[in-house]
Amino acid sequence: MSIARAEVGTSGVDLVAQVTTPKPYDVGSGRFKVVAFDFGIKSTILSCLSEIATVRVVPASTTADEVRAMAPDGVFLSNGPGDPEVVAGAPQTIRTLVESGTAVFGICLGHQLLSLALGGKTFKLPFGHHGANHPVRNLRTGRVEITSQNHNFCVDPQSLRDIAEITHTNLNDQTNEGMKVVGHRAFSVQYHPEAGPGPHDSRYLFAQFADLMDGR
């Protein structure tokens, strides 16, 4: 019990700095060229991205100018641990990339950082979402997807009114699970469509990213 009380928690703690790659590296050999920010990226995400793109994984501190110099077809914002509000520099970098017209896809922490980049707000859930059986409704299709989740923070959808279209919602507590940025080529989800061994209900999102990079 004393160990639990001594735990500082995740609020206000930049855990991304502890897990991001120290230098860029490449994986995959797909049609598109994607720059993936490593905020704590999972190998299964890289496997999914590699099916559609050649992926350059870069440190979390990489600047917008450095990314644009790589001339990618799209930018991926990965999952990762900790409080999104203390990931230094990331929201400003993401905002610049979105406003420049870059195709952007974010997952989990990447979803939260995209929200902050747009001027939105995040908050800590009273009980985090963890496990592989969370029901999420796709508001565009009406279909329910069973999803894998592992996060303690959440996006406040009211803070994104008129900025982003809410595309997915959690059926357990009605929290935000996905969005599409109005007027820009950027979208994100809170859950893990790449989950291994599953569920795989949301794997279509990688094809959606490919379509976005292809101008469709």
C-alpha atoms as a PDB file:
ATOM      1  CA  MET A   1       0.000   0.000   0.000  1.00  0.00           C
ATOM      2  CA  SER A   2       2.864   2.401   0.767  1.00  0.00           C
ATOM      3  CA  ILE A   3       4.302   1.721  -2.713  1.00  0.00           C
ATOM      4  CA  ALA A   4       0.978   2.673  -4.314  1.00  0.00           C
ATOM      5  CA  ARG A   5       0.775   5.901  -2.299  1.00  0.00           C
ATOM      6  CA  ALA A   6       4.321   6.791  -3.331  1.00  0.00           C
ATOM      7  CA  GLU A   7       3.527   6.460  -7.044  1.00  0.00           C
ATOM      8  CA  VAL A   8       3.448   9.953  -8.595  1.00  0.00           C
ATOM      9  CA  GLY A   9       0.999   8.996 -11.369  1.00  0.00           C
ATOM     10  CA  THR A  10       1.022  10.278 -14.947  1.00  0.00           C
ATOM     11  CA  SER A  11      -0.420  13.794 -14.668  1.00  0.00           C
ATOM     12  CA  GLY A  12       2.191  16.405 -15.542  1.00  0.00           C
ATOM     13  CA  VAL A  13       4.813  13.767 -16.355  1.00  0.00           C
ATOM     14  CA  ASP A  14       6.526  13.723 -19.775  1.00  0.00           C
ATOM     15  CA  LEU A  15       7.001   9.991 -20.288  1.00  0.00           C
ATOM     16  CA  VAL A  16       7.395  10.385 -24.057  1.00  0.00           C
ATOM     17  CA  ALA A  17      10.904  11.786 -23.601  1.00  0.00           C
ATOM     18  CA  GLN A  18      11.844   8.503 -21.907  1.00  0.00           C
ATOM     19  CA  VAL A  19      10.580   6.177 -24.645  1.00  0.00           C
ATOM     20  CA  THR A  20      11.003   7.955 -28.005  1.00  0.00           C
ATOM     21  CA  THR A  21      13.684   6.780 -30.434  1.00  0.00           C
ATOM     22  CA  PRO A  22      16.998   8.685 -30.127  1.00  0.00           C
ATOM     23  CA  LYS A  23      17.464   8.791 -33.917  1.00  0.00           C
ATOM     24  CA  PRO A  24      15.415   8.200 -37.092  1.00  0.00           C
ATOM     25  CA  TYR A  25      15.132   4.771 -38.700  1.00  0.00           C
ATOM     26  CA  ASP A  26      13.246   3.287 -41.673  1.00  0.00           C
ATOM     27  CA  VAL A  27      10.880   0.335 -41.992  1.00  0.00           C
ATOM     28  CA  GLY A  28       8.694  -1.021 -44.775  1.00  0.00           C
ATOM     29  CA  SER A  29       8.684  -0.590 -48.526  1.00  0.00           C
ATOM     30  CA  GLY A  30       5.144   0.457 -49.382  1.00  0.00           C
ATOM     31  CA  ARG A  31       3.866   2.831 -52.029  1.00  0.00           C
ATOM     32  CA  PHE A  32       3.678   5.983 -49.897  1.00  0.00           C
ATOM     33  CA  LYS A  33       6.309   7.807 -47.880  1.00  0.00           C
ATOM     34  CA  VAL A  34       5.243   8.349 -44.266  1.00  0.00           C
ATOM     35  CA  VAL A  35       7.010  10.128 -41.425  1.00  0.00           C
ATOM     36  CA  ALA A  36       5.927   8.556 -38.121  1.00  0.00           C
ATOM     37  CA  PHE A  37       6.452  10.448 -34.869  1.00  0.00           C
ATOM     38  CA  ASP A  38       7.578   8.044 -32.157  1.00  0.00           C
ATOM     39  CA  PHE A  39       5.785   9.036 -28.971  1.00  0.00           C
ATOM     40  CA  GLY A  40       6.025   5.393 -27.856  1.00  0.00           C
ATOM     41  CA  ILE A  41       5.128   3.640 -31.097  1.00  0.00           C
ATOM     42  CA  LYS A  42       4.109  -0.037 -31.158  1.00  0.00           C
ATOM     43  CA  SER A  43       5.637  -2.580 -33.524  1.00  0.00           C
ATOM     44  CA  THR A  44       2.185  -3.653 -34.737  1.00  0.00           C
ATOM     45  CA  ILE A  45       1.517  -0.074 -35.878  1.00  0.00           C
ATOM     46  CA  LEU A  46       4.704  -0.154 -37.915  1.00  0.00           C
ATOM     47  CA  SER A  47       3.651  -3.483 -39.417  1.00  0.00           C
ATOM     48  CA  CYS A  48       0.321  -2.000 -40.504  1.00  0.00           C
ATOM     49  CA  LEU A  49       1.905   1.172 -41.884  1.00  0.00           C
ATOM     50  CA  SER A  50       4.539  -0.886 -43.720  1.00  0.00           C
ATOM     51  CA  GLU A  51       1.787  -2.499 -45.774  1.00  0.00           C
ATOM     52  CA  ILE A  52       1.025   0.854 -47.379  1.00  0.00           C
ATOM     53  CA  ALA A  53       4.202   2.909 -46.997  1.00  0.00           C
ATOM     54  CA  THR A  54       7.917   3.246 -46.514  1.00  0.00           C
ATOM     55  CA  VAL A  55       8.048   4.620 -42.978  1.00  0.00           C
ATOM     56  CA  ARG A  56      10.670   6.897 -41.468  1.00  0.00           C
ATOM     57  CA  VAL A  57      10.273   6.803 -37.684  1.00  0.00           C
ATOM     58  CA  VAL A  58      11.497  10.026 -36.072  1.00  0.00           C
ATOM     59  CA  PRO A  59      12.054  11.289 -32.502  1.00  0.00           C
ATOM     60  CA  ALA A  60       9.222  13.130 -30.772  1.00  0.00           C
ATOM     61  CA  SER A  61      11.236  16.355 -30.851  1.00  0.00           C
ATOM     62  CA  THR A  62      11.507  16.444 -34.658  1.00  0.00           C
ATOM     63  CA  THR A  63      10.454  19.852 -36.019  1.00  0.00           C
ATOM     64  CA  ALA A  64       7.933  20.645 -38.738  1.00  0.00           C
ATOM     65  CA  ASP A  65      10.697  21.994 -40.979  1.00  0.00           C
ATOM     66  CA  GLU A  66      12.647  18.749 -40.589  1.00  0.00           C
ATOM     67  CA  VAL A  67       9.564  16.730 -41.493  1.00  0.00           C
ATOM     68  CA  ARG A  68       8.740  18.841 -44.545  1.00  0.00           C
ATOM     69  CA  ALA A  69      12.342  18.509 -45.735  1.00  0.00           C
ATOM     70  CA  MET A  70      11.684  14.741 -45.963  1.00  0.00           C
ATOM     71  CA  ALA A  71       8.786  15.446 -48.386  1.00  0.00           C
ATOM     72  CA  PRO A  72       6.414  12.782 -46.994  1.00  0.00           C
ATOM     73  CA  ASP A  73       3.029  11.865 -48.449  1.00  0.00           C
ATOM     74  CA  GLY A  74       1.708  11.731 -44.915  1.00  0.00           C
ATOM     75  CA  VAL A  75       2.555  12.052 -41.230  1.00  0.00           C
ATOM     76  CA  PHE A  76       1.591   9.566 -38.532  1.00  0.00           C
ATOM     77  CA  LEU A  77       1.220  10.512 -34.850  1.00  0.00           C
ATOM     78  CA  SER A  78       1.781   7.447 -32.681  1.00  0.00           C
ATOM     79  CA  ASN A  79       0.462   6.203 -29.400  1.00  0.00           C
ATOM     80  CA  GLY A  80       2.515   6.747 -26.251  1.00  0.00           C
ATOM     81  CA  PRO A  81       2.420   7.080 -22.470  1.00  0.00           C
ATOM     82  CA  GLY A  82       1.713   9.932 -20.099  1.00  0.00           C
ATOM     83  CA  ASP A  83       0.112  13.347 -20.064  1.00  0.00           C
ATOM     84  CA  PRO A  84      -0.356  14.875 -23.553  1.00  0.00           C
ATOM     85  CA  GLU A  85      -0.152  18.434 -22.210  1.00  0.00           C
ATOM     86  CA  VAL A  86       3.522  18.088 -21.283  1.00  0.00           C
ATOM     87  CA  VAL A  87       4.874  16.659 -24.554  1.00  0.00           C
ATOM     88  CA  ALA A  88       7.050  19.682 -25.287  1.00  0.00           C
ATOM     89  CA  GLY A  89       6.746  21.237 -28.734  1.00  0.00           C
ATOM     90  CA  ALA A  90       4.591  18.511 -30.273  1.00  0.00           C
ATOM     91  CA  PRO A  91       1.281  20.440 -30.572  1.00  0.00           C
ATOM     92  CA  GLN A  92       2.963  23.391 -32.293  1.00  0.00           C
ATOM     93  CA  THR A  93       4.767  21.088 -34.728  1.00  0.00           C
ATOM     94  CA  ILE A  94       1.564  19.190 -35.507  1.00  0.00           C
ATOM     95  CA  ARG A  95      -0.399  22.400 -36.030  1.00  0.00           C
ATOM     96  CA  THR A  96       2.159  23.625 -38.571  1.00  0.00           C
ATOM     97  CA  LEU A  97       2.005  20.323 -40.466  1.00  0.00           C
ATOM     98  CA  VAL A  98      -1.801  20.256 -40.507  1.00  0.00           C
ATOM     99  CA  GLU A  99      -2.050  23.859 -41.676  1.00  0.00           C
ATOM    100  CA  SER A 100       0.499  23.192 -44.435  1.00  0.00           C
ATOM    101  CA  GLY A 101      -1.896  20.647 -45.964  1.00  0.00           C
ATOM    102  CA  THR A 102      -0.064  17.498 -44.909  1.00  0.00           C
ATOM    103  CA  ALA A 103      -2.126  14.304 -44.589  1.00  0.00           C
ATOM    104  CA  VAL A 104      -2.075  13.414 -40.864  1.00  0.00           C
ATOM    105  CA  PHE A 105      -3.318  10.315 -39.010  1.00  0.00           C
ATOM    106  CA  GLY A 106      -3.094   9.996 -35.222  1.00  0.00           C
ATOM    107  CA  ILE A 107      -3.696   7.138 -32.787  1.00  0.00           C
ATOM    108  CA  CYS A 108      -4.209   7.333 -28.990  1.00  0.00           C
ATOM    109  CA  LEU A 109      -1.684   9.902 -27.662  1.00  0.00           C
ATOM    110  CA  GLY A 110      -1.388  11.113 -31.256  1.00  0.00           C
ATOM    111  CA  HIS A 111      -5.141  11.780 -31.206  1.00  0.00           C
ATOM    112  CA  GLN A 112      -4.787  13.824 -28.013  1.00  0.00           C
ATOM    113  CA  LEU A 113      -1.823  15.789 -29.360  1.00  0.00           C
ATOM    114  CA  LEU A 114      -3.712  16.582 -32.566  1.00  0.00           C
ATOM    115  CA  SER A 115      -6.524  17.934 -30.401  1.00  0.00           C
ATOM    116  CA  LEU A 116      -4.127  20.167 -28.472  1.00  0.00           C
ATOM    117  CA  ALA A 117      -2.611  21.334 -31.763  1.00  0.00           C
ATOM    118  CA  LEU A 118      -6.069  22.550 -32.819  1.00  0.00           C
ATOM    119  CA  GLY A 119      -6.587  24.466 -29.577  1.00  0.00           C
ATOM    120  CA  GLY A 120      -8.630  21.728 -27.928  1.00  0.00           C
ATOM    121  CA  LYS A 121      -8.395  20.431 -24.376  1.00  0.00           C
ATOM    122  CA  THR A 122      -7.695  17.079 -22.764  1.00  0.00           C
ATOM    123  CA  PHE A 123      -8.565  15.750 -19.314  1.00  0.00           C
ATOM    124  CA  LYS A 124      -7.753  12.746 -17.160  1.00  0.00           C
ATOM    125  CA  LEU A 125     -10.438  10.092 -16.929  1.00  0.00           C
ATOM    126  CA  PRO A 126     -11.593   9.016 -13.438  1.00  0.00           C
ATOM    127  CA  PHE A 127     -10.945   5.456 -14.627  1.00  0.00           C
ATOM    128  CA  GLY A 128      -8.787   4.887 -17.699  1.00  0.00           C
ATOM    129  CA  HIS A 129      -9.851   2.773 -20.668  1.00  0.00           C
ATOM    130  CA  HIS A 130      -7.890  -0.471 -20.760  1.00  0.00           C
ATOM    131  CA  GLY A 131      -8.563  -3.784 -22.465  1.00  0.00           C
ATOM    132  CA  ALA A 132      -9.599  -5.268 -25.810  1.00  0.00           C
ATOM    133  CA  ASN A 133     -13.397  -5.115 -25.670  1.00  0.00           C
ATOM    134  CA  HIS A 134     -14.470  -1.450 -25.706  1.00  0.00           C
ATOM    135  CA  PRO A 135     -17.505  -0.758 -27.944  1.00  0.00           C
ATOM    136  CA  VAL A 136     -17.120   2.333 -30.146  1.00  0.00           C
ATOM    137  CA  ARG A 137     -19.749   3.680 -32.554  1.00  0.00           C
ATOM    138  CA  ASN A 138     -18.637   4.996 -35.918  1.00  0.00           C
ATOM    139  CA  LEU A 139     -20.956   7.992 -36.246  1.00  0.00           C
ATOM    140  CA  ARG A 140     -20.557   8.126 -40.021  1.00  0.00           C
ATOM    141  CA  THR A 141     -21.655   4.531 -40.653  1.00  0.00           C
ATOM    142  CA  GLY A 142     -23.608   3.748 -37.482  1.00  0.00           C
ATOM    143  CA  ARG A 143     -21.613   0.547 -37.048  1.00  0.00           C
ATOM    144  CA  VAL A 144     -20.219  -0.533 -33.669  1.00  0.00           C
ATOM    145  CA  GLU A 145     -16.556  -1.520 -33.552  1.00  0.00           C
ATOM    146  CA  ILE A 146     -15.029  -3.554 -30.741  1.00  0.00           C
ATOM    147  CA  THR A 147     -11.733  -1.853 -29.945  1.00  0.00           C
ATOM    148  CA  SER A 148      -8.543  -2.232 -27.933  1.00  0.00           C
ATOM    149  CA  GLN A 149      -7.746   0.701 -25.636  1.00  0.00           C
ATOM    150  CA  ASN A 150      -5.032   1.701 -23.182  1.00  0.00           C
ATOM    151  CA  HIS A 151      -5.197   5.345 -22.077  1.00  0.00           C
ATOM    152  CA  ASN A 152      -5.883   7.520 -19.042  1.00  0.00           C
ATOM    153  CA  PHE A 153      -6.456  10.860 -20.789  1.00  0.00           C
ATOM    154  CA  CYS A 154      -9.251  11.912 -23.114  1.00  0.00           C
ATOM    155  CA  VAL A 155     -10.149  14.695 -25.575  1.00  0.00           C
ATOM    156  CA  ASP A 156     -12.901  17.150 -24.615  1.00  0.00           C
ATOM    157  CA  PRO A 157     -15.137  17.238 -27.747  1.00  0.00           C
ATOM    158  CA  GLN A 158     -16.757  20.530 -26.709  1.00  0.00           C
ATOM    159  CA  SER A 159     -13.354  22.206 -26.963  1.00  0.00           C
ATOM    160  CA  LEU A 160     -13.245  21.258 -30.658  1.00  0.00           C
ATOM    161  CA  ARG A 161     -16.660  22.584 -31.646  1.00  0.00           C
ATOM    162  CA  ASP A 162     -16.556  23.907 -35.250  1.00  0.00           C
ATOM    163  CA  ILE A 163     -12.907  22.781 -35.497  1.00  0.00           C
ATOM    164  CA  ALA A 164     -13.324  19.024 -35.832  1.00  0.00           C
ATOM    165  CA  GLU A 165     -16.100  16.618 -36.762  1.00  0.00           C
ATOM    166  CA  ILE A 166     -16.512  13.942 -34.093  1.00  0.00           C
ATOM    167  CA  THR A 167     -16.450  10.616 -35.933  1.00  0.00           C
ATOM    168  CA  HIS A 168     -16.419   8.012 -33.145  1.00  0.00           C
ATOM    169  CA  THR A 169     -17.799   7.804 -29.614  1.00  0.00           C
ATOM    170  CA  ASN A 170     -17.391   5.345 -26.734  1.00  0.00           C
ATOM    171  CA  LEU A 171     -20.638   3.512 -25.967  1.00  0.00           C
ATOM    172  CA  ASN A 172     -19.684   2.843 -22.339  1.00  0.00           C
ATOM    173  CA  ASP A 173     -19.210   6.443 -21.210  1.00  0.00           C
ATOM    174  CA  GLN A 174     -19.885   8.563 -24.341  1.00  0.00           C
ATOM    175  CA  THR A 175     -16.329   9.943 -24.428  1.00  0.00           C
ATOM    176  CA  ASN A 176     -14.665  11.012 -27.648  1.00  0.00           C
ATOM    177  CA  GLU A 177     -12.995   8.259 -29.678  1.00  0.00           C
ATOM    178  CA  GLY A 178     -12.253   9.903 -33.024  1.00  0.00           C
ATOM    179  CA  MET A 179     -12.346  13.075 -35.112  1.00  0.00           C
ATOM    180  CA  LYS A 180     -11.803  14.552 -38.575  1.00  0.00           C
ATOM    181  CA  VAL A 181     -10.349  18.068 -38.740  1.00  0.00           C
ATOM    182  CA  VAL A 182     -12.649  20.436 -40.614  1.00  0.00           C
ATOM    183  CA  GLY A 183     -11.039  21.914 -43.720  1.00  0.00           C
ATOM    184  CA  HIS A 184      -7.795  19.934 -43.381  1.00  0.00           C
ATOM    185  CA  ARG A 185      -6.403  16.502 -44.296  1.00  0.00           C
ATOM    186  CA  ALA A 186      -6.164  15.180 -40.755  1.00  0.00           C
ATOM    187  CA  PHE A 187      -8.015  12.602 -38.648  1.00  0.00           C
ATOM    188  CA  SER A 188      -7.394  10.553 -35.534  1.00  0.00           C
ATOM    189  CA  VAL A 189      -8.803   7.941 -33.163  1.00  0.00           C
ATOM    190  CA  GLN A 190      -8.352   7.342 -29.445  1.00  0.00           C
ATOM    191  CA  TYR A 191      -8.211   3.546 -29.631  1.00  0.00           C
ATOM    192  CA  HIS A 192      -5.801   1.046 -31.253  1.00  0.00           C
ATOM    193  CA  PRO A 193      -6.901  -0.183 -34.724  1.00  0.00           C
ATOM    194  CA  GLU A 194      -3.607  -2.065 -35.087  1.00  0.00           C
ATOM    195  CA  ALA A 195      -4.188  -4.194 -31.972  1.00  0.00           C
ATOM    196  CA  GLY A 196      -2.529  -7.588 -32.030  1.00  0.00           C
ATOM    197  CA  PRO A 197      -3.903 -10.209 -31.860  1.00  0.00           C
ATOM    198  CA  GLY A 198      -7.085  -8.135 -32.149  1.00  0.00           C
ATOM    199  CA  PRO A 199      -9.803  -7.023 -32.389  1.00  0.00           C
ATOM    200  CA  HIS A 200      -9.364  -5.927 -36.014  1.00  0.00           C
ATOM    201  CA  ASP A 201     -12.708  -4.158 -36.553  1.00  0.00           C
ATOM    202  CA  SER A 202     -10.916  -0.845 -37.150  1.00  0.00           C
ATOM    203  CA  ARG A 203      -8.045  -1.878 -39.435  1.00  0.00           C
ATOM    204  CA  TYR A 204      -9.836  -0.029 -42.260  1.00  0.00           C
ATOM    205  CA  LEU A 205      -8.391   3.206 -40.841  1.00  0.00           C
ATOM    206  CA  PHE A 206      -4.998   2.450 -42.408  1.00  0.00           C
ATOM    207  CA  ALA A 207      -6.672   2.173 -45.821  1.00  0.00           C
ATOM    208  CA  GLN A 208      -8.438   5.450 -45.036  1.00  0.00           C
ATOM    209  CA  PHE A 209      -5.026   7.021 -44.396  1.00  0.00           C
ATOM    210  CA  ALA A 210      -3.797   5.683 -47.748  1.00  0.00           C
ATOM    211  CA  ASP A 211      -6.837   7.185 -49.475  1.00  0.00           C
ATOM    212  CA  LEU A 212      -6.149  10.539 -47.796  1.00  0.00           C
ATOM    213  CA  MET A 213      -2.545  10.506 -48.990  1.00  0.00           C
ATOM    214  CA  ASP A 214      -3.784   9.554 -52.455  1.00  0.00           C
ATOM    215  CA  GLY A 215      -5.991  12.643 -52.523  1.00  0.00           C
ATOM    216  CA  ARG A 216      -9.284  10.760 -52.173  1.00  0.00           C
END
